[in-house]
Amino acid sequence: MASPPAVDVSGSSPKLWSLPVELQEEIITHVARLPDRNDDQPLVSLDVHRLREGRDVLSLLNWSSSCKWFRMLLAPRCFETISLWNTKKSALAVQAVAQSEWSGSVRELRYVAQLKEGQESCSIEELHPPEISYVLRELSRFVNLEKLSVAFLIDYKGIWTALFNRQGRGLSHTDVDDDPEHAAYEENRYGWRALLSAGLHAIVQNSSYGCLSALEIHNLGLIPISVFDSQEFHNLLPQLKTFSLSFSELTNLFDCSYIVRTTERLGKWFFNNLSSVENLSIDAGRRVPLGAHNYFVNRQLSLREAGMPNLRSVKFQNVFICKELVVFLQNHIGTLQSITLEHCYATYAHQRHVRNTQWWRLFEGLIAKAPTRLVSFELIFAREEEGLIDWETDSPLPYDKEWYSRLRKSDVRQRNVFPYGMASKKSGLPYPSTESIQHSLHEGRDKSSYLSLMTIVESNARRR
């Protein structure tokens, strides 16, 4: 970048002005960085009802307003990521950016569909003004747009409560009918249902997506959305290099069978159409335990028919280790370079059941495919090992008491403890199975197969 022009800088610090341009940018970026940022927090937090930002945009704007030079220097950063909320005011602001000289600076657009308390009965015109659709239908005006995120800032539990109070029931099978036309029918009846689909319907009307290569969908409720069955939506997915999907953390709805009916369609809606994707991220949320086999219910991942020949990186959060997951990773091990499993559980290692998938089955399944490109395999557990094992009681399994006594006194490091558990039928929250974890420690097969896999991974990394 060129040096600062010789202009009046009375409103700026002469010392800062005299520094190299790159250093000026670094200093301003550091000042504008929000304190105590946690990158592990979700993009949308219902706890505080806000969109998480990693930078103080207001500070950047203040800097850019101090003089013409700083405006030229910082405006591209100010508009690198812009947010579009489902209000007319927000739409007009984003539209102004699209029509300005800075439209080419936009790399990421975040669309946030918010349903506030008490808006359950509002019309779609109130919840989604037409100006929103106008912006989303004209993404080509952001010629360098690379990433689009769609976030639902919606308290689904509040909707269920309102439904129950109004019609004497919550969600039923008729609300999640398999027929896509039924979803469209429900969206015509209820504004909040239409809100779930309105933004996406506008997005898929774009004739071209330009540089767009990444799509993120956050806080998705397990309710059919008509656009997911449309050919226009399926035409968008093959051009994506990065796809991320996270689900809402529903409360007290885990035993509703509609959850199963919805998860069965995830492949048809998303995964079977990601033919060019290189980076895949799925966060089931703490209350939608995909892959769990319990209470005679199979909550599927819907990855059985997914073919992603260019897949390099996968990240699964809050899913249960199941055969479907193992087979999916095996089928893509020829291209995979990175696998991350965060807050995941295996199920009941000590019980002989055809549906159980122990950790060692995953590790040995990957080893059997002789991975040559895998250079990163990371396990991130939600709880410390002290919380996974109840050391205050005697072993509930018929193990040698001397072995158990030695185990209690030993330094059991977290990498040696592999979480096993199941999902609560009432809340959906996973909870650890002490017996299964102790069995895993006693048997040692999880640890030994994990170390064997890591030996291969580390060897691959050294050869790069």
Protein backbone atom coordinates (compact mmCIF):
# COMPACT_ATOMS: atom_id res chain seq x y z
CA MET A 1 0.00 0.00 0.00
CA ALA A 2 1.20 3.53 -0.75
CA SER A 3 2.50 5.85 1.92
CA PRO A 4 0.09 8.27 3.60
CA PRO A 5 -0.46 11.41 1.53
CA ALA A 6 0.68 14.78 2.76
CA VAL A 7 -2.56 16.05 4.24
CA ASP A 8 -3.61 17.85 7.38
CA VAL A 9 -3.34 15.38 10.24
CA SER A 10 -4.19 17.71 13.08
CA GLY A 11 -6.91 15.33 14.15
CA SER A 12 -4.53 12.38 14.33
CA SER A 13 -1.47 11.51 16.33
CA PRO A 14 1.71 12.60 14.48
CA LYS A 15 3.59 9.69 16.02
CA LEU A 16 1.07 7.15 14.74
CA TRP A 17 0.99 8.83 11.35
CA SER A 18 4.76 8.52 10.95
CA LEU A 19 4.70 4.74 11.40
CA PRO A 20 4.68 2.32 8.44
CA VAL A 21 1.21 1.60 7.08
CA GLU A 22 1.31 -2.07 8.07
CA LEU A 23 2.16 -1.15 11.66
CA GLN A 24 -0.61 1.44 11.77
CA GLU A 25 -3.09 -1.25 10.72
CA GLU A 26 -1.75 -3.66 13.33
CA ILE A 27 -2.04 -1.12 16.14
CA ILE A 28 -5.57 -0.09 15.20
CA THR A 29 -6.68 -3.71 14.83
CA HIS A 30 -5.31 -4.50 18.28
CA VAL A 31 -7.09 -1.54 19.84
CA ALA A 32 -10.36 -2.50 18.15
CA ARG A 33 -10.21 -6.13 19.22
CA LEU A 34 -12.88 -7.03 21.75
CA PRO A 35 -11.55 -8.18 25.15
CA ASP A 36 -12.01 -11.72 26.44
CA ARG A 37 -13.14 -13.06 23.11
CA ASN A 38 -13.83 -16.79 23.16
CA ASP A 39 -13.56 -18.32 19.70
CA ASP A 40 -15.31 -21.46 20.96
CA GLN A 41 -18.54 -19.57 21.56
CA PRO A 42 -21.23 -20.06 18.92
CA LEU A 43 -21.86 -17.36 16.36
CA VAL A 44 -25.34 -16.93 17.78
CA SER A 45 -25.89 -17.03 21.53
CA LEU A 46 -29.48 -17.29 22.71
CA ASP A 47 -28.31 -16.72 26.28
CA VAL A 48 -27.56 -13.08 25.51
CA HIS A 49 -29.56 -12.73 22.28
CA ARG A 50 -26.80 -11.15 20.29
CA LEU A 51 -24.53 -11.84 17.38
CA ARG A 52 -20.96 -12.53 18.45
CA GLU A 53 -18.41 -10.25 16.86
CA GLY A 54 -14.66 -10.64 17.05
CA ARG A 55 -13.95 -6.96 16.58
CA ASP A 56 -15.25 -3.62 17.75
CA VAL A 57 -16.68 -2.27 14.51
CA LEU A 58 -17.69 1.00 16.16
CA SER A 59 -14.07 1.68 17.14
CA LEU A 60 -12.93 0.98 13.59
CA LEU A 61 -15.57 3.34 12.23
CA ASN A 62 -14.47 6.04 14.68
CA TRP A 63 -10.88 5.64 13.54
CA SER A 64 -11.91 5.79 9.88
CA SER A 65 -13.86 9.01 10.50
CA SER A 66 -10.89 10.87 11.97
CA CYS A 67 -9.42 11.77 8.57
CA LYS A 68 -9.50 10.87 4.89
CA TRP A 69 -6.38 8.71 5.13
CA PHE A 70 -7.71 6.51 7.91
CA ARG A 71 -11.00 6.20 6.09
CA MET A 72 -9.21 4.85 3.04
CA LEU A 73 -7.06 2.61 5.22
CA LEU A 74 -9.77 1.13 7.45
CA ALA A 75 -12.99 1.14 5.45
CA PRO A 76 -12.18 -2.21 3.83
CA ARG A 77 -11.87 -3.72 7.31
CA CYS A 78 -15.03 -2.07 8.56
CA PHE A 79 -17.05 -3.62 5.75
CA GLU A 80 -15.23 -6.94 5.50
CA THR A 81 -18.04 -8.59 7.51
CA ILE A 82 -21.50 -7.05 7.58
CA SER A 83 -24.65 -8.20 9.35
CA LEU A 84 -28.17 -8.12 7.98
CA TRP A 85 -30.98 -8.42 10.52
CA ASN A 86 -34.61 -8.96 9.62
CA THR A 87 -35.56 -5.29 9.99
CA LYS A 88 -36.14 -2.60 7.38
CA LYS A 89 -33.51 -0.35 8.98
CA SER A 90 -30.85 -3.05 8.75
CA ALA A 91 -31.77 -3.87 5.15
CA LEU A 92 -31.47 -0.23 4.08
CA ALA A 93 -28.06 0.04 5.77
CA VAL A 94 -26.75 -3.05 3.96
CA GLN A 95 -28.27 -1.82 0.72
CA ALA A 96 -26.35 1.44 1.13
CA VAL A 97 -23.11 -0.53 1.47
CA ALA A 98 -23.98 -2.54 -1.65
CA GLN A 99 -24.39 0.69 -3.63
CA SER A 100 -21.22 2.31 -2.27
CA GLU A 101 -17.60 2.20 -3.35
CA TRP A 102 -16.94 -0.23 -0.50
CA SER A 103 -19.20 -3.04 -1.75
CA GLY A 104 -16.13 -4.84 -3.05
CA SER A 105 -14.70 -4.95 0.49
CA VAL A 106 -17.46 -7.26 1.75
CA ARG A 107 -16.18 -10.81 2.19
CA GLU A 108 -18.83 -12.15 4.57
CA LEU A 109 -22.54 -11.44 4.94
CA ARG A 110 -24.34 -12.58 8.09
CA TYR A 111 -28.10 -12.81 7.83
CA VAL A 112 -29.81 -13.07 11.22
CA ALA A 113 -33.50 -13.99 11.42
CA GLN A 114 -34.62 -12.95 14.89
CA LEU A 115 -37.95 -13.78 16.50
CA LYS A 116 -38.44 -11.73 19.64
CA GLU A 117 -40.64 -12.71 22.56
CA GLY A 118 -44.28 -12.01 21.77
CA GLN A 119 -43.80 -12.08 17.99
CA GLU A 120 -45.06 -15.64 17.54
CA SER A 121 -48.33 -14.40 16.00
CA CYS A 122 -46.86 -11.66 13.81
CA SER A 123 -47.28 -11.75 10.04
CA ILE A 124 -44.38 -12.52 7.74
CA GLU A 125 -44.49 -8.91 6.47
CA GLU A 126 -43.75 -7.74 10.01
CA LEU A 127 -41.06 -10.35 10.66
CA HIS A 128 -39.41 -10.20 7.24
CA PRO A 129 -39.86 -6.84 5.47
CA PRO A 130 -39.57 -7.00 1.65
CA GLU A 131 -36.37 -4.93 1.78
CA ILE A 132 -34.62 -7.97 3.29
CA SER A 133 -35.45 -10.17 0.32
CA TYR A 134 -34.30 -7.45 -2.06
CA VAL A 135 -30.84 -7.43 -0.49
CA LEU A 136 -30.54 -11.22 -0.37
CA ARG A 137 -31.65 -11.63 -3.99
CA GLU A 138 -28.89 -9.29 -5.18
CA LEU A 139 -25.77 -10.85 -3.65
CA SER A 140 -23.93 -10.28 -6.93
CA ARG A 141 -23.53 -6.63 -5.92
CA PHE A 142 -20.94 -7.85 -3.40
CA VAL A 143 -18.50 -8.96 -6.07
CA ASN A 144 -15.98 -10.43 -3.61
CA LEU A 145 -18.46 -12.14 -1.27
CA GLU A 146 -16.95 -15.44 -0.14
CA LYS A 147 -18.97 -16.46 2.91
CA LEU A 148 -22.65 -16.37 3.76
CA SER A 149 -24.03 -17.28 7.17
CA VAL A 150 -27.68 -17.73 8.06
CA ALA A 151 -28.46 -17.63 11.78
CA PHE A 152 -31.80 -18.15 13.49
CA LEU A 153 -31.94 -16.12 16.67
CA ILE A 154 -35.07 -17.86 17.84
CA ASP A 155 -36.19 -19.28 21.16
CA TYR A 156 -37.90 -22.40 19.84
CA LYS A 157 -39.04 -23.40 23.30
CA GLY A 158 -41.00 -20.15 23.54
CA ILE A 159 -42.71 -20.99 20.27
CA TRP A 160 -43.74 -24.42 21.54
CA THR A 161 -45.12 -22.83 24.70
CA ALA A 162 -47.08 -20.29 22.69
CA LEU A 163 -48.42 -23.05 20.44
CA PHE A 164 -49.50 -25.08 23.43
CA ASN A 165 -51.24 -22.13 25.05
CA ARG A 166 -53.03 -21.24 21.83
CA GLN A 167 -54.07 -24.64 20.51
CA GLY A 168 -53.70 -26.93 23.49
CA ARG A 169 -50.78 -28.89 22.06
CA GLY A 170 -47.19 -28.51 21.06
CA LEU A 171 -45.60 -29.74 17.85
CA SER A 172 -47.21 -32.86 16.37
CA HIS A 173 -46.56 -35.24 13.49
CA THR A 174 -48.73 -33.13 11.21
CA ASP A 175 -46.39 -30.18 11.74
CA VAL A 176 -43.45 -32.16 10.38
CA ASP A 177 -45.18 -33.97 7.53
CA ASP A 178 -42.79 -35.54 5.03
CA ASP A 179 -44.49 -33.78 2.13
CA PRO A 180 -42.56 -30.58 1.20
CA GLU A 181 -45.84 -29.00 0.16
CA HIS A 182 -47.07 -29.36 3.73
CA ALA A 183 -44.10 -27.32 5.00
CA ALA A 184 -44.99 -24.60 2.51
CA TYR A 185 -48.60 -24.79 3.67
CA GLU A 186 -47.54 -24.28 7.30
CA GLU A 187 -45.32 -21.37 6.29
CA ASN A 188 -48.32 -19.70 4.67
CA ARG A 189 -50.32 -20.15 7.87
CA TYR A 190 -47.81 -18.97 10.47
CA GLY A 191 -45.46 -16.00 10.22
CA TRP A 192 -42.79 -17.57 12.42
CA ARG A 193 -42.68 -20.64 10.14
CA ALA A 194 -42.39 -18.37 7.11
CA LEU A 195 -39.52 -16.50 8.78
CA LEU A 196 -37.47 -19.70 8.86
CA SER A 197 -37.71 -19.99 5.10
CA ALA A 198 -38.03 -16.41 3.80
CA GLY A 199 -34.34 -15.47 3.84
CA LEU A 200 -33.23 -18.73 2.26
CA HIS A 201 -35.92 -18.45 -0.41
CA ALA A 202 -34.53 -15.05 -1.36
CA ILE A 203 -30.94 -16.31 -1.39
CA VAL A 204 -31.61 -19.16 -3.82
CA GLN A 205 -33.19 -16.73 -6.30
CA ASN A 206 -29.75 -15.36 -7.16
CA SER A 207 -28.83 -16.18 -10.75
CA SER A 208 -25.15 -16.31 -9.82
CA TYR A 209 -23.24 -16.55 -6.54
CA GLY A 210 -19.91 -15.25 -7.82
CA CYS A 211 -17.05 -16.01 -5.41
CA LEU A 212 -19.32 -17.50 -2.74
CA SER A 213 -17.69 -20.68 -1.44
CA ALA A 214 -18.79 -20.98 2.20
CA LEU A 215 -22.24 -21.36 3.75
CA GLU A 216 -22.98 -21.59 7.47
CA ILE A 217 -26.40 -22.31 9.00
CA HIS A 218 -26.63 -21.69 12.74
CA ASN A 219 -29.21 -22.60 15.38
CA LEU A 220 -31.38 -24.55 12.98
CA GLY A 221 -34.55 -25.92 14.52
CA LEU A 222 -35.65 -29.44 13.75
CA ILE A 223 -38.59 -28.25 11.70
CA PRO A 224 -38.94 -28.85 7.95
CA ILE A 225 -38.23 -25.75 5.87
CA SER A 226 -39.70 -25.84 2.38
CA VAL A 227 -36.67 -24.35 0.65
CA PHE A 228 -34.47 -27.28 1.72
CA ASP A 229 -36.42 -29.52 -0.66
CA SER A 230 -36.13 -27.11 -3.58
CA GLN A 231 -33.92 -27.70 -6.59
CA GLU A 232 -32.69 -24.10 -6.35
CA PHE A 233 -31.22 -24.77 -2.91
CA HIS A 234 -29.65 -28.03 -4.07
CA ASN A 235 -28.07 -26.16 -7.00
CA LEU A 236 -26.27 -23.85 -4.56
CA LEU A 237 -24.66 -26.59 -2.45
CA PRO A 238 -22.34 -28.19 -5.07
CA GLN A 239 -20.32 -24.98 -5.49
CA LEU A 240 -19.47 -24.74 -1.79
CA LYS A 241 -16.00 -25.47 -0.45
CA THR A 242 -17.01 -25.00 3.19
CA PHE A 243 -20.29 -25.99 4.83
CA SER A 244 -21.18 -25.65 8.50
CA LEU A 245 -24.41 -26.70 10.21
CA SER A 246 -25.43 -26.30 13.85
CA PHE A 247 -28.70 -27.12 15.57
CA SER A 248 -30.71 -25.35 18.22
CA GLU A 249 -30.41 -26.62 21.76
CA LEU A 250 -34.05 -27.53 22.26
CA THR A 251 -35.39 -28.02 25.76
CA ASN A 252 -37.66 -30.82 27.00
CA LEU A 253 -38.51 -31.98 23.49
CA PHE A 254 -36.12 -34.87 23.17
CA ASP A 255 -38.73 -37.60 23.40
CA CYS A 256 -40.75 -36.20 20.48
CA SER A 257 -40.44 -38.61 17.58
CA TYR A 258 -40.50 -35.75 15.07
CA ILE A 259 -36.81 -35.21 15.85
CA VAL A 260 -36.02 -38.58 14.31
CA ARG A 261 -38.20 -37.89 11.27
CA THR A 262 -36.36 -34.62 10.66
CA THR A 263 -32.81 -35.93 11.10
CA GLU A 264 -33.52 -38.65 8.56
CA ARG A 265 -33.82 -35.93 5.91
CA LEU A 266 -30.52 -34.17 6.57
CA GLY A 267 -28.79 -36.15 3.84
CA LYS A 268 -31.38 -35.25 1.23
CA TRP A 269 -31.42 -31.62 2.30
CA PHE A 270 -27.68 -31.03 2.67
CA PHE A 271 -25.03 -33.74 2.76
CA ASN A 272 -25.86 -35.63 -0.45
CA ASN A 273 -25.40 -32.42 -2.46
CA LEU A 274 -22.00 -31.27 -1.17
CA SER A 275 -19.99 -32.71 -4.05
CA SER A 276 -17.25 -30.04 -3.94
CA VAL A 277 -17.00 -29.41 -0.21
CA GLU A 278 -13.55 -29.50 1.38
CA ASN A 279 -14.40 -28.45 4.94
CA LEU A 280 -17.41 -29.87 6.78
CA SER A 281 -18.58 -28.96 10.29
CA ILE A 282 -21.62 -30.40 12.08
CA ASP A 283 -22.65 -29.36 15.59
CA ALA A 284 -25.65 -31.34 16.81
CA GLY A 285 -26.08 -29.21 19.90
CA ARG A 286 -26.26 -30.63 23.39
CA ARG A 287 -29.91 -31.67 23.08
CA VAL A 288 -29.98 -33.19 19.60
CA PRO A 289 -27.60 -36.14 20.05
CA LEU A 290 -27.15 -37.33 16.50
CA GLY A 291 -25.91 -40.90 16.25
CA ALA A 292 -27.34 -41.96 19.62
CA HIS A 293 -28.88 -45.42 19.90
CA ASN A 294 -31.08 -45.68 22.95
CA TYR A 295 -34.69 -46.07 23.91
CA PHE A 296 -35.15 -48.02 20.66
CA VAL A 297 -34.59 -44.82 18.70
CA ASN A 298 -31.88 -44.22 16.09
CA ARG A 299 -31.03 -40.55 15.64
CA GLN A 300 -29.26 -40.72 12.35
CA LEU A 301 -26.47 -38.58 10.99
CA SER A 302 -27.81 -39.06 7.44
CA LEU A 303 -24.31 -39.39 6.01
CA ARG A 304 -24.78 -42.85 4.49
CA GLU A 305 -25.18 -41.63 0.90
CA ALA A 306 -22.93 -38.57 1.16
CA GLY A 307 -20.08 -38.49 -1.33
CA MET A 308 -17.54 -35.70 -0.87
CA PRO A 309 -14.53 -36.57 -3.05
CA ASN A 310 -12.59 -33.42 -2.10
CA LEU A 311 -13.20 -33.53 1.66
CA ARG A 312 -10.10 -32.46 3.61
CA SER A 313 -11.31 -31.39 7.03
CA VAL A 314 -14.22 -32.52 9.21
CA LYS A 315 -15.35 -31.38 12.62
CA PHE A 316 -18.14 -33.09 14.55
CA GLN A 317 -19.47 -31.63 17.78
CA ASN A 318 -21.92 -33.19 20.23
CA VAL A 319 -22.50 -36.34 18.19
CA PHE A 320 -22.40 -39.94 19.35
CA ILE A 321 -19.82 -42.23 17.82
CA CYS A 322 -21.82 -44.64 15.68
CA LYS A 323 -21.21 -47.04 12.82
CA GLU A 324 -22.52 -44.52 10.31
CA LEU A 325 -19.90 -41.98 11.41
CA VAL A 326 -17.09 -44.55 11.27
CA VAL A 327 -18.06 -45.65 7.75
CA PHE A 328 -18.31 -42.04 6.56
CA LEU A 329 -14.79 -41.27 7.79
CA GLN A 330 -13.46 -44.50 6.31
CA ASN A 331 -15.00 -43.69 2.92
CA HIS A 332 -13.26 -40.31 2.86
CA ILE A 333 -9.95 -41.22 4.49
CA GLY A 334 -8.20 -40.99 1.11
CA THR A 335 -8.55 -37.19 1.10
CA LEU A 336 -9.01 -36.31 4.78
CA GLN A 337 -6.20 -34.32 6.35
CA SER A 338 -7.89 -33.25 9.59
CA ILE A 339 -10.50 -34.85 11.87
CA THR A 340 -11.80 -33.11 15.00
CA LEU A 341 -14.28 -34.66 17.44
CA GLU A 342 -15.46 -32.27 20.13
CA HIS A 343 -17.75 -33.11 23.05
CA CYS A 344 -18.54 -36.52 21.55
CA TYR A 345 -19.48 -39.74 23.36
CA ALA A 346 -19.32 -43.41 22.52
CA THR A 347 -21.96 -45.73 23.96
CA TYR A 348 -21.85 -48.48 26.56
CA ALA A 349 -18.52 -50.16 26.02
CA HIS A 350 -19.24 -52.96 28.49
CA GLN A 351 -22.54 -54.08 26.97
CA ARG A 352 -22.58 -56.51 24.07
CA HIS A 353 -25.03 -54.80 21.75
CA VAL A 354 -24.96 -54.66 17.98
CA ARG A 355 -25.65 -50.92 17.96
CA ASN A 356 -22.85 -49.94 20.31
CA THR A 357 -19.76 -48.37 18.79
CA GLN A 358 -16.79 -48.14 21.09
CA TRP A 359 -13.97 -45.66 20.60
CA TRP A 360 -11.55 -48.38 19.54
CA ARG A 361 -13.84 -49.30 16.64
CA LEU A 362 -13.38 -45.79 15.28
CA PHE A 363 -9.61 -45.77 15.79
CA GLU A 364 -9.05 -49.24 14.36
CA GLY A 365 -11.47 -48.56 11.53
CA LEU A 366 -9.36 -45.61 10.41
CA ILE A 367 -6.12 -47.55 10.83
CA ALA A 368 -7.50 -50.34 8.63
CA LYS A 369 -7.84 -47.85 5.77
CA ALA A 370 -4.14 -46.93 5.99
CA PRO A 371 -4.54 -43.14 6.10
CA THR A 372 -1.65 -41.43 4.32
CA ARG A 373 -2.92 -37.84 4.25
CA LEU A 374 -4.32 -37.56 7.76
CA VAL A 375 -2.00 -35.17 9.64
CA SER A 376 -4.35 -33.99 12.41
CA PHE A 377 -6.66 -36.02 14.65
CA GLU A 378 -8.00 -34.13 17.64
CA LEU A 379 -10.30 -35.21 20.46
CA ILE A 380 -11.76 -32.43 22.61
CA PHE A 381 -13.79 -33.59 25.58
CA ALA A 382 -16.36 -31.48 27.36
CA ARG A 383 -15.51 -32.55 30.89
CA GLU A 384 -12.42 -33.17 32.93
CA GLU A 385 -11.63 -36.76 33.73
CA GLU A 386 -12.41 -36.18 37.42
CA GLY A 387 -16.05 -35.60 36.48
CA LEU A 388 -16.28 -38.66 34.28
CA ILE A 389 -15.47 -41.20 36.99
CA ASP A 390 -17.03 -41.41 40.42
CA TRP A 391 -13.94 -42.12 42.51
CA GLU A 392 -15.85 -41.99 45.78
CA THR A 393 -17.58 -45.33 45.26
CA ASP A 394 -16.32 -48.83 44.76
CA SER A 395 -16.16 -50.15 41.24
CA PRO A 396 -19.64 -51.28 40.17
CA LEU A 397 -18.08 -53.80 37.81
CA PRO A 398 -16.56 -57.15 38.84
CA TYR A 399 -12.99 -55.94 38.48
CA ASP A 400 -10.07 -56.81 40.65
CA LYS A 401 -10.27 -54.52 43.68
CA GLU A 402 -6.51 -54.11 43.72
CA TRP A 403 -6.57 -52.84 40.10
CA TYR A 404 -9.33 -50.37 40.90
CA SER A 405 -7.49 -49.15 43.97
CA ARG A 406 -4.33 -48.55 41.94
CA LEU A 407 -6.36 -46.73 39.28
CA ARG A 408 -7.88 -44.39 41.85
CA LYS A 409 -4.44 -43.48 43.16
CA SER A 410 -2.81 -43.12 39.74
CA ASP A 411 -2.47 -40.02 37.61
CA VAL A 412 -5.23 -40.71 35.09
CA ARG A 413 -4.63 -38.12 32.42
CA GLN A 414 -7.40 -36.85 30.22
CA ARG A 415 -5.99 -38.39 27.07
CA ASN A 416 -6.41 -41.82 28.67
CA VAL A 417 -10.11 -41.33 29.47
CA PHE A 418 -12.52 -41.80 26.59
CA PRO A 419 -16.08 -40.63 27.33
CA TYR A 420 -18.93 -43.09 27.14
CA GLY A 421 -22.49 -42.21 27.85
CA MET A 422 -26.04 -41.88 26.67
CA ALA A 423 -28.60 -39.16 26.12
CA SER A 424 -31.27 -38.41 28.66
CA LYS A 425 -34.71 -39.28 27.34
CA LYS A 426 -36.24 -36.21 28.98
CA SER A 427 -33.69 -33.47 28.38
CA GLY A 428 -31.61 -34.87 25.54
CA LEU A 429 -28.43 -33.94 27.40
CA PRO A 430 -25.68 -36.56 27.28
CA TYR A 431 -24.39 -37.87 30.56
CA PRO A 432 -21.37 -40.10 31.20
CA SER A 433 -21.57 -43.80 31.92
CA THR A 434 -19.15 -44.44 34.78
CA GLU A 435 -19.26 -48.20 34.27
CA SER A 436 -18.39 -47.95 30.58
CA ILE A 437 -15.53 -45.55 31.21
CA GLN A 438 -14.08 -47.81 33.89
CA HIS A 439 -14.42 -50.76 31.54
CA SER A 440 -12.56 -48.82 28.87
CA LEU A 441 -9.73 -48.05 31.29
CA HIS A 442 -9.56 -51.65 32.45
CA GLU A 443 -9.58 -53.14 28.97
CA GLY A 444 -7.11 -50.60 27.56
CA ARG A 445 -8.13 -51.16 23.95
CA ASP A 446 -9.33 -47.59 23.43
CA LYS A 447 -6.01 -46.20 24.58
CA SER A 448 -3.82 -48.62 22.65
CA SER A 449 -5.72 -48.20 19.37
CA TYR A 450 -5.75 -44.41 19.81
CA LEU A 451 -1.98 -44.36 20.30
CA SER A 452 -1.53 -46.53 17.22
CA LEU A 453 -3.61 -44.13 15.16
CA MET A 454 -1.71 -41.12 16.49
CA THR A 455 1.59 -42.76 15.55
CA ILE A 456 0.39 -42.88 11.95
CA VAL A 457 -0.92 -39.30 12.08
CA GLU A 458 2.32 -37.93 13.52
CA SER A 459 4.35 -39.83 10.95
CA ASN A 460 2.25 -38.34 8.16
CA ALA A 461 2.75 -34.85 9.61
CA ARG A 462 6.53 -35.26 9.70
CA ARG A 463 6.59 -36.25 6.03
CA ARG A 464 4.77 -33.10 4.89
